[in-house]
Protein backbone atom coordinates (compact mmCIF):
# COMPACT_ATOMS: atom_id res chain seq x y z
CA MET A 1 6.52 0.13 7.88
CA GLY A 2 10.01 -1.10 7.18
CA VAL A 3 10.13 -1.13 3.39
CA SER A 4 13.59 -0.61 1.91
CA TYR A 5 14.34 1.67 -1.01
CA ALA A 6 17.49 1.86 -3.06
CA GLY A 7 19.18 5.25 -3.36
CA THR A 8 22.10 7.43 -2.29
CA LEU A 9 22.41 7.00 1.47
CA VAL A 10 22.85 9.71 4.08
CA ARG A 11 26.53 10.33 4.72
CA THR A 12 26.66 13.62 6.64
CA GLY A 13 24.84 15.21 9.56
CA GLU A 14 23.51 17.91 7.28
CA GLU A 15 22.00 15.32 4.92
CA ARG A 16 20.39 13.55 7.86
CA ALA A 17 18.93 16.81 9.16
CA THR A 18 17.53 17.52 5.70
CA LEU A 19 15.95 14.06 5.55
CA VAL A 20 14.41 14.41 9.02
CA ARG A 21 13.07 17.90 8.31
CA ARG A 22 11.52 16.90 5.00
CA THR A 23 10.14 13.63 6.33
CA TYR A 24 8.38 14.99 9.39
CA GLY A 25 7.23 18.09 7.55
CA LEU A 26 5.48 15.84 5.05
CA VAL A 27 4.04 13.67 7.84
CA PHE A 28 2.63 16.76 9.56
CA VAL A 29 1.05 18.07 6.34
CA SER A 30 -0.30 14.60 5.51
CA VAL A 31 -2.08 14.35 8.85
CA ILE A 32 -3.68 17.76 8.28
CA VAL A 33 -4.77 16.79 4.76
CA THR A 34 -6.31 13.57 6.10
CA ALA A 35 -8.28 15.59 8.66
CA LEU A 36 -9.45 17.87 5.85
CA GLY A 37 -10.56 14.80 3.90
CA VAL A 38 -12.61 13.62 6.88
CA ALA A 39 -14.16 17.08 7.31
CA PHE A 40 -14.96 17.35 3.60
CA ALA A 41 -16.64 13.93 3.54
CA ARG A 42 -18.87 14.93 6.44
CA THR A 43 -20.22 17.83 4.37
CA GLN A 44 -21.01 15.53 1.43
CA PRO A 45 -23.65 12.93 2.40
CA ALA A 46 -23.73 11.44 -1.10
CA LEU A 47 -19.97 10.96 -1.11
CA MET A 48 -20.07 9.46 2.38
CA GLN A 49 -22.74 6.99 1.26
CA ALA A 50 -20.71 6.04 -1.80
CA VAL A 51 -17.70 5.29 0.39
CA ILE A 52 -19.85 3.14 2.67
CA GLU A 53 -21.41 1.22 -0.22
CA HIS A 54 -18.18 0.77 -2.22
CA PRO A 55 -15.28 0.36 0.22
CA ILE A 56 -13.20 -1.80 -2.12
CA ILE A 57 -13.46 0.69 -4.98
CA THR A 58 -12.61 3.52 -2.57
CA ALA A 59 -9.57 1.60 -1.32
CA LEU A 60 -8.35 1.02 -4.88
CA VAL A 61 -8.79 4.71 -5.70
CA MET A 62 -6.98 5.58 -2.48
CA PHE A 63 -3.93 3.36 -3.00
CA ALA A 64 -3.48 4.18 -6.69
CA PRO A 65 -1.84 7.59 -6.01
CA LEU A 66 0.28 6.02 -3.26
CA TRP A 67 1.58 3.42 -5.71
CA MET A 68 2.34 6.15 -8.24
CA ALA A 69 4.03 8.26 -5.55
CA MET A 70 6.38 5.41 -4.70
CA ARG A 71 7.31 5.03 -8.35
CA ALA A 72 7.92 8.77 -8.63
CA ARG A 73 9.33 9.26 -5.13
CA HIS A 74 12.18 11.48 -6.37
CA SER A 75 10.12 13.45 -8.89
CA TYR A 76 9.33 16.72 -7.11
CA PRO A 77 6.61 18.08 -6.92
CA ARG A 78 4.75 15.13 -8.44
CA ASN A 79 5.71 12.91 -5.51
CA LEU A 80 4.25 15.35 -2.97
CA ILE A 81 1.05 15.91 -4.93
CA LEU A 82 0.43 12.16 -5.17
CA VAL A 83 1.14 11.56 -1.48
CA LEU A 84 -1.22 14.35 -0.43
CA LEU A 85 -3.89 13.05 -2.80
CA PHE A 86 -3.55 9.64 -1.15
CA THR A 87 -3.84 11.13 2.34
CA PHE A 88 -6.89 13.20 1.36
CA ILE A 89 -8.69 10.12 0.00
CA GLU A 90 -7.64 8.31 3.17
CA GLY A 91 -9.62 10.92 5.07
CA LEU A 92 -12.66 10.23 2.88
CA PHE A 93 -12.23 6.52 3.55
CA LEU A 94 -11.99 7.04 7.33
CA ALA A 95 -14.92 9.45 7.57
CA PRO A 96 -17.76 6.88 7.91
CA PHE A 97 -15.84 4.91 10.55
CA LEU A 98 -15.18 8.04 12.60
CA MET A 99 -18.73 9.34 12.15
CA VAL A 100 -20.20 6.15 13.61
CA ALA A 101 -17.59 6.06 16.38
CA GLU A 102 -18.53 9.63 17.34
CA LYS A 103 -22.21 8.73 17.28
CA TYR A 104 -21.75 6.10 19.98
CA ASN A 105 -18.92 7.80 21.86
CA PRO A 106 -18.91 11.60 21.42
CA GLY A 107 -15.40 13.02 21.61
CA ILE A 108 -13.70 9.68 20.88
CA THR A 109 -11.83 11.06 17.87
CA GLY A 110 -10.15 13.76 19.93
CA GLN A 111 -9.30 11.31 22.72
CA ALA A 112 -7.80 8.85 20.25
CA GLY A 113 -5.87 11.67 18.60
CA VAL A 114 -4.33 12.77 21.90
CA LEU A 115 -3.38 9.18 22.78
CA THR A 116 -1.89 8.62 19.34
CA LEU A 117 0.18 11.80 19.45
CA SER A 118 1.35 10.96 22.99
CA THR A 119 2.35 7.47 21.90
CA PHE A 120 4.09 8.92 18.85
CA GLY A 121 6.06 11.35 21.00
CA VAL A 122 7.15 8.74 23.55
CA LEU A 123 8.15 6.10 20.99
CA SER A 124 9.91 8.58 18.72
CA LEU A 125 11.89 9.91 21.68
CA TYR A 126 12.78 6.35 22.66
CA ALA A 127 14.08 5.64 19.14
CA LEU A 128 16.05 8.91 19.19
CA VAL A 129 17.78 8.53 22.56
CA SER A 130 18.23 4.77 22.67
CA LYS A 131 21.61 3.35 21.66
CA ARG A 132 20.01 0.04 20.66
CA ASP A 133 20.14 -1.45 17.19
CA PHE A 134 16.49 -1.87 16.12
CA SER A 135 17.25 -3.56 12.80
CA ALA A 136 15.70 -6.86 13.93
CA TRP A 137 12.41 -5.18 14.85
CA GLY A 138 11.35 -4.73 11.24
CA SER A 139 11.04 -8.41 10.34
CA PHE A 140 9.63 -9.30 13.78
CA PHE A 141 6.82 -6.77 13.67
CA MET A 142 6.10 -7.39 9.99
CA ILE A 143 5.37 -11.01 10.94
CA GLY A 144 3.12 -9.64 13.66
CA LEU A 145 1.38 -7.50 11.03
CA TRP A 146 0.57 -10.53 8.90
CA VAL A 147 -0.78 -12.32 11.97
CA LEU A 148 -2.98 -9.29 12.65
CA ILE A 149 -4.29 -9.31 9.09
CA ALA A 150 -5.13 -13.02 9.32
CA THR A 151 -6.92 -12.66 12.67
CA SER A 152 -8.80 -9.58 11.41
CA VAL A 153 -10.11 -11.56 8.44
CA LEU A 154 -11.22 -14.37 10.76
CA ASN A 155 -12.92 -11.83 13.02
CA ILE A 156 -15.03 -10.66 10.10
CA PHE A 157 -16.62 -14.11 9.90
CA PHE A 158 -16.49 -15.03 13.60
CA TYR A 159 -16.99 -11.61 15.16
CA THR A 160 -16.66 -11.01 18.89
CA ALA A 161 -16.21 -7.71 20.68
CA LEU A 162 -13.45 -9.24 22.79
CA GLY A 163 -11.67 -10.43 19.66
CA THR A 164 -11.87 -6.93 18.20
CA LEU A 165 -10.36 -5.48 21.37
CA TRP A 166 -7.49 -7.96 21.27
CA ILE A 167 -6.86 -7.15 17.61
CA ALA A 168 -6.87 -3.41 18.40
CA ALA A 169 -4.42 -3.97 21.27
CA GLY A 170 -2.23 -6.07 18.98
CA THR A 171 -2.37 -3.32 16.36
CA VAL A 172 -1.09 -0.77 18.90
CA LEU A 173 1.76 -3.12 19.81
CA VAL A 174 2.72 -3.94 16.21
CA PHE A 175 2.54 -0.43 14.81
CA GLY A 176 4.17 0.99 17.92
CA GLY A 177 7.09 -1.34 17.24
CA LEU A 178 7.13 -0.43 13.56
CA LEU A 179 7.09 3.26 14.49
CA VAL A 180 10.23 2.79 16.60
CA PHE A 181 11.86 0.81 13.78
CA ASP A 182 10.93 3.33 11.08
CA THR A 183 12.09 6.26 13.23
CA TRP A 184 15.39 4.51 13.90
CA ARG A 185 15.87 3.92 10.17
CA ILE A 186 15.43 7.62 9.48
CA VAL A 187 17.56 9.10 12.24
CA ARG A 188 20.23 6.47 12.91
CA SER A 189 20.50 3.65 10.39
CA GLY A 190 21.50 5.61 7.29
CA GLN A 191 19.25 3.41 5.16
CA TYR A 192 17.59 6.38 3.47
CA GLY A 193 19.04 9.06 1.24
CA PRO A 194 18.34 12.78 1.74
CA ASP A 195 15.82 12.66 -1.15
CA ASP A 196 13.99 9.58 0.18
CA TYR A 197 11.67 11.64 2.38
CA VAL A 198 8.54 10.44 0.56
CA PRO A 199 8.85 6.71 1.42
CA ALA A 200 10.16 7.62 4.87
CA ALA A 201 7.17 9.90 5.53
CA VAL A 202 4.66 7.38 4.16
CA ASN A 203 5.99 4.72 6.55
CA ILE A 204 5.65 7.02 9.57
CA TYR A 205 2.23 8.24 8.40
CA LEU A 206 0.88 4.69 8.02
CA ASP A 207 2.22 3.77 11.48
CA LEU A 208 0.42 6.78 12.96
CA LEU A 209 -2.78 6.13 11.03
CA ASN A 210 -3.04 2.52 12.17
CA LEU A 211 -2.23 3.49 15.74
CA PHE A 212 -5.03 6.06 15.62
CA ILE A 213 -7.57 3.58 14.21
CA ALA A 214 -6.61 1.05 16.88
CA MET A 215 -6.99 3.69 19.61
CA VAL A 216 -10.49 4.51 18.36
CA SER A 217 -11.40 0.81 18.46
CA LEU A 218 -10.00 0.38 21.97
CA LEU A 219 -11.79 3.44 23.32
CA GLY A 220 -14.99 2.29 21.62
CA GLY A 221 -14.91 -1.03 23.40
CA GLY A 222 -14.55 -3.11 20.23
CA ARG A 223 -18.25 -2.91 19.39
CA ARG A 224 -19.27 -3.55 15.81
CA ARG A 225 -20.95 -0.51 14.29
CA SER A 226 -23.87 -0.78 11.89
C-alpha cells in the first residue's frame, strides 16, 4: 500500500530476483493461511460468534502481530511467523462476512476469488511490462483510500445499497491502483532491499485482500447482511 521502509536497496538483478521470489512466495503462503483461517473458523461456532460479537477486539488481536512483524521485518524466522499469524487471524475475521455472503449467494467466494486473481494477474503484468513511472500513483491512490474510509464511515450511519456498491467499486479502483504501484516498487523502482520482502509482501497481500472483499460486495449487490 505504498509505505516506505529504510534499508539497503536492490542494486543487482540477482538481488531483485531474490526480492521478487521471496515477496511473492510469502504472498502465496499468506493467502493459503488466510483460507485456512476461514475454514478453521467455520468449524468453530463459538469462535465465529465471538468474532461477530467482538469485531474491534478481533481487529486489535489481528493487527498486533502485523505491527510486531513490521518492527522485526528483518528478523528471520520471527518476521514470517508473525506475518502468518496475522494472515491466519485475518481469515478468522473474514469468516463471518464470507459465511453470510455464501448464505445469500452460494458460490460467491469462488467467483470473487477468480475475479481477484484475474485482476491481480492483469495489473501485475501491466506493472511489469509498462515503461511508465508509477511513483505518483502512491500518493494519489492513498488520498483515494482516505476518501473511501470517510465514505464507508458515513455509509454505516446513512446506509444505502447503492452507496455500498459505489464504495466497493471505488475500492476496486483504489486498490487496483495501489497494486500496480506496489508491484512497480518491487520490480522496477529499487525502493526495497533484498531483505525487505516482509513489508513488500504485506503491501501486496493487503491490496489483494481488499480487492477480494470489494469483489464479494459487488457480486453480492451491496446488500447489508444481518
